[in-house]
Amino acid sequence: MKLFIKQCNSCQNRINLSIEAKSRQTLRYMYGETITIKCPTCGNIHNYYPYQVYAESTAKAVVGGGLTGGLVGLLGGPIGFLIGAGIGGAIGNENDKIDRKNVEKFNSSW
């Protein structure tokens, strides 16, 4: 899960954040009522409220899991490749679901 601010107050560009939090309440606990951020595009510094922070999914585990499982499965031949890719993809898919659920939970928090 990746956090961001939709637009800078000066240049209107998106600001990606390098902080982690499970909810906006956690952001308030960690940073207080406002978060001071310097825009990497225009360099201006502004205060933002936790409700202005959004999350998006970074889920790409299905492909990685399937590929890794497939490569490990190659040791067992073509059948091993198929089984490994299937298992790896299934595990990756579950991780993606968890990530999307965490994004939904963050974005619905206040």
C-alpha atoms as a PDB file:
ATOM      1  CA  MET A   1       0.000   0.000   0.000  1.00  0.00           C
ATOM      2  CA  LYS A   2       1.322   3.397  -0.991  1.00  0.00           C
ATOM      3  CA  LEU A   3       0.191   6.723   0.495  1.00  0.00           C
ATOM      4  CA  PHE A   4      -0.100   9.959  -1.460  1.00  0.00           C
ATOM      5  CA  ILE A   5      -1.629  13.435  -1.506  1.00  0.00           C
ATOM      6  CA  LYS A   6      -3.775  14.004  -4.612  1.00  0.00           C
ATOM      7  CA  GLN A   7      -2.373  17.429  -5.403  1.00  0.00           C
ATOM      8  CA  CYS A   8       0.109  19.963  -4.093  1.00  0.00           C
ATOM      9  CA  ASN A   9      -1.491  23.220  -2.937  1.00  0.00           C
ATOM     10  CA  SER A  10       0.853  25.164  -5.250  1.00  0.00           C
ATOM     11  CA  CYS A  11       1.591  23.193  -8.419  1.00  0.00           C
ATOM     12  CA  GLN A  12      -1.361  20.742  -8.308  1.00  0.00           C
ATOM     13  CA  ASN A  13       0.942  17.723  -8.836  1.00  0.00           C
ATOM     14  CA  ARG A  14       0.501  14.493  -6.933  1.00  0.00           C
ATOM     15  CA  ILE A  15       2.801  13.975  -3.938  1.00  0.00           C
ATOM     16  CA  ASN A  16       3.844  10.396  -3.162  1.00  0.00           C
ATOM     17  CA  LEU A  17       4.628   9.855   0.502  1.00  0.00           C
ATOM     18  CA  SER A  18       7.295   7.627   1.993  1.00  0.00           C
ATOM     19  CA  ILE A  19       5.387   7.117   5.233  1.00  0.00           C
ATOM     20  CA  GLU A  20       3.385   4.093   6.315  1.00  0.00           C
ATOM     21  CA  ALA A  21       0.143   4.011   8.258  1.00  0.00           C
ATOM     22  CA  LYS A  22      -2.816   1.656   8.425  1.00  0.00           C
ATOM     23  CA  SER A  23      -5.385   4.448   8.854  1.00  0.00           C
ATOM     24  CA  ARG A  24      -5.769   8.202   8.959  1.00  0.00           C
ATOM     25  CA  GLN A  25      -6.145   7.921  12.739  1.00  0.00           C
ATOM     26  CA  THR A  26      -2.654   6.427  12.819  1.00  0.00           C
ATOM     27  CA  LEU A  27      -1.378   9.420  10.828  1.00  0.00           C
ATOM     28  CA  ARG A  28      -2.927  11.776  13.408  1.00  0.00           C
ATOM     29  CA  TYR A  29      -1.298   9.818  16.205  1.00  0.00           C
ATOM     30  CA  MET A  30       2.111   9.876  14.478  1.00  0.00           C
ATOM     31  CA  TYR A  31       2.141  13.452  13.091  1.00  0.00           C
ATOM     32  CA  GLY A  32      -0.615  15.394  14.831  1.00  0.00           C
ATOM     33  CA  GLU A  33      -3.482  17.231  13.180  1.00  0.00           C
ATOM     34  CA  THR A  34      -1.381  18.348  10.208  1.00  0.00           C
ATOM     35  CA  ILE A  35       1.465  16.815   8.229  1.00  0.00           C
ATOM     36  CA  THR A  36       4.107  19.172   6.834  1.00  0.00           C
ATOM     37  CA  ILE A  37       5.204  18.058   3.372  1.00  0.00           C
ATOM     38  CA  LYS A  38       7.644  19.562   0.871  1.00  0.00           C
ATOM     39  CA  CYS A  39       6.470  19.042  -2.704  1.00  0.00           C
ATOM     40  CA  PRO A  40       9.202  17.307  -4.730  1.00  0.00           C
ATOM     41  CA  THR A  41       8.036  19.081  -7.907  1.00  0.00           C
ATOM     42  CA  CYS A  42       7.800  22.764  -6.922  1.00  0.00           C
ATOM     43  CA  GLY A  43       9.664  22.654  -3.602  1.00  0.00           C
ATOM     44  CA  ASN A  44       6.954  24.500  -1.665  1.00  0.00           C
ATOM     45  CA  ILE A  45       6.145  23.380   1.855  1.00  0.00           C
ATOM     46  CA  HIS A  46       2.512  23.013   2.914  1.00  0.00           C
ATOM     47  CA  ASN A  47       0.546  21.517   5.760  1.00  0.00           C
ATOM     48  CA  TYR A  48      -1.944  18.793   4.904  1.00  0.00           C
ATOM     49  CA  TYR A  49      -4.596  17.137   7.019  1.00  0.00           C
ATOM     50  CA  PRO A  50      -4.752  13.352   7.338  1.00  0.00           C
ATOM     51  CA  TYR A  51      -8.052  13.346   5.420  1.00  0.00           C
ATOM     52  CA  GLN A  52      -6.098  14.655   2.395  1.00  0.00           C
ATOM     53  CA  VAL A  53      -3.909  11.537   2.363  1.00  0.00           C
ATOM     54  CA  TYR A  54      -5.055   8.599   0.237  1.00  0.00           C
ATOM     55  CA  ALA A  55      -3.836   5.063  -0.304  1.00  0.00           C
ATOM     56  CA  GLU A  56      -3.458   3.016  -3.462  1.00  0.00           C
ATOM     57  CA  SER A  57      -2.610  -0.601  -4.002  1.00  0.00           C
ATOM     58  CA  THR A  58       0.881  -1.616  -5.004  1.00  0.00           C
ATOM     59  CA  ALA A  59      -0.253  -5.210  -5.470  1.00  0.00           C
ATOM     60  CA  LYS A  60       1.648  -7.060  -8.141  1.00  0.00           C
ATOM     61  CA  ALA A  61       2.301 -10.262  -6.255  1.00  0.00           C
ATOM     62  CA  VAL A  62       0.340 -12.554  -8.596  1.00  0.00           C
ATOM     63  CA  VAL A  63       2.852 -12.162 -11.413  1.00  0.00           C
ATOM     64  CA  GLY A  64       5.867 -12.350  -9.106  1.00  0.00           C
ATOM     65  CA  GLY A  65       4.509 -15.330  -7.212  1.00  0.00           C
ATOM     66  CA  GLY A  66       3.614 -17.178 -10.382  1.00  0.00           C
ATOM     67  CA  LEU A  67       6.991 -16.495 -11.945  1.00  0.00           C
ATOM     68  CA  THR A  68       8.926 -17.495  -8.839  1.00  0.00           C
ATOM     69  CA  GLY A  69       6.840 -20.619  -8.373  1.00  0.00           C
ATOM     70  CA  GLY A  70       7.279 -21.504 -12.021  1.00  0.00           C
ATOM     71  CA  LEU A  71      11.050 -21.122 -11.879  1.00  0.00           C
ATOM     72  CA  VAL A  72      11.284 -23.295  -8.779  1.00  0.00           C
ATOM     73  CA  GLY A  73       8.934 -25.768 -10.426  1.00  0.00           C
ATOM     74  CA  LEU A  74      11.242 -26.039 -13.453  1.00  0.00           C
ATOM     75  CA  LEU A  75      13.419 -28.280 -11.320  1.00  0.00           C
ATOM     76  CA  GLY A  76      10.583 -30.811 -11.504  1.00  0.00           C
ATOM     77  CA  GLY A  77      10.151 -30.463 -15.263  1.00  0.00           C
ATOM     78  CA  PRO A  78       7.150 -29.137 -17.191  1.00  0.00           C
ATOM     79  CA  ILE A  79       4.608 -30.498 -14.703  1.00  0.00           C
ATOM     80  CA  GLY A  80       6.597 -28.959 -11.822  1.00  0.00           C
ATOM     81  CA  PHE A  81       6.630 -25.650 -13.666  1.00  0.00           C
ATOM     82  CA  LEU A  82       2.850 -25.647 -14.041  1.00  0.00           C
ATOM     83  CA  ILE A  83       2.224 -26.679 -10.446  1.00  0.00           C
ATOM     84  CA  GLY A  84       4.774 -24.177  -9.094  1.00  0.00           C
ATOM     85  CA  ALA A  85       3.370 -21.332 -11.181  1.00  0.00           C
ATOM     86  CA  GLY A  86      -0.177 -22.159 -10.068  1.00  0.00           C
ATOM     87  CA  ILE A  87       0.701 -22.290  -6.385  1.00  0.00           C
ATOM     88  CA  GLY A  88       2.872 -19.159  -6.583  1.00  0.00           C
ATOM     89  CA  GLY A  89       0.134 -17.277  -8.427  1.00  0.00           C
ATOM     90  CA  ALA A  90      -2.475 -18.319  -5.862  1.00  0.00           C
ATOM     91  CA  ILE A  91      -0.299 -17.145  -2.958  1.00  0.00           C
ATOM     92  CA  GLY A  92       0.429 -13.868  -4.779  1.00  0.00           C
ATOM     93  CA  ASN A  93      -3.274 -13.375  -5.486  1.00  0.00           C
ATOM     94  CA  GLU A  94      -4.062 -13.704  -1.782  1.00  0.00           C
ATOM     95  CA  ASN A  95      -1.432 -11.069  -0.939  1.00  0.00           C
ATOM     96  CA  ASP A  96      -2.949  -8.751  -3.559  1.00  0.00           C
ATOM     97  CA  LYS A  97      -6.405  -9.177  -1.996  1.00  0.00           C
ATOM     98  CA  ILE A  98      -5.025  -8.274   1.432  1.00  0.00           C
ATOM     99  CA  ASP A  99      -3.331  -5.173   0.004  1.00  0.00           C
ATOM    100  CA  ARG A 100      -6.523  -4.015  -1.736  1.00  0.00           C
ATOM    101  CA  LYS A 101      -8.501  -4.578   1.483  1.00  0.00           C
ATOM    102  CA  ASN A 102      -5.989  -2.472   3.443  1.00  0.00           C
ATOM    103  CA  VAL A 103      -6.285   0.316   0.832  1.00  0.00           C
ATOM    104  CA  GLU A 104     -10.079   0.280   1.096  1.00  0.00           C
ATOM    105  CA  LYS A 105      -9.866   0.351   4.894  1.00  0.00           C
ATOM    106  CA  PHE A 106      -7.427   3.300   4.864  1.00  0.00           C
ATOM    107  CA  ASN A 107      -9.429   5.345   2.351  1.00  0.00           C
ATOM    108  CA  SER A 108     -12.659   4.855   4.297  1.00  0.00           C
ATOM    109  CA  SER A 109     -11.069   5.853   7.619  1.00  0.00           C
ATOM    110  CA  TRP A 110     -11.331   9.345   9.100  1.00  0.00           C
END
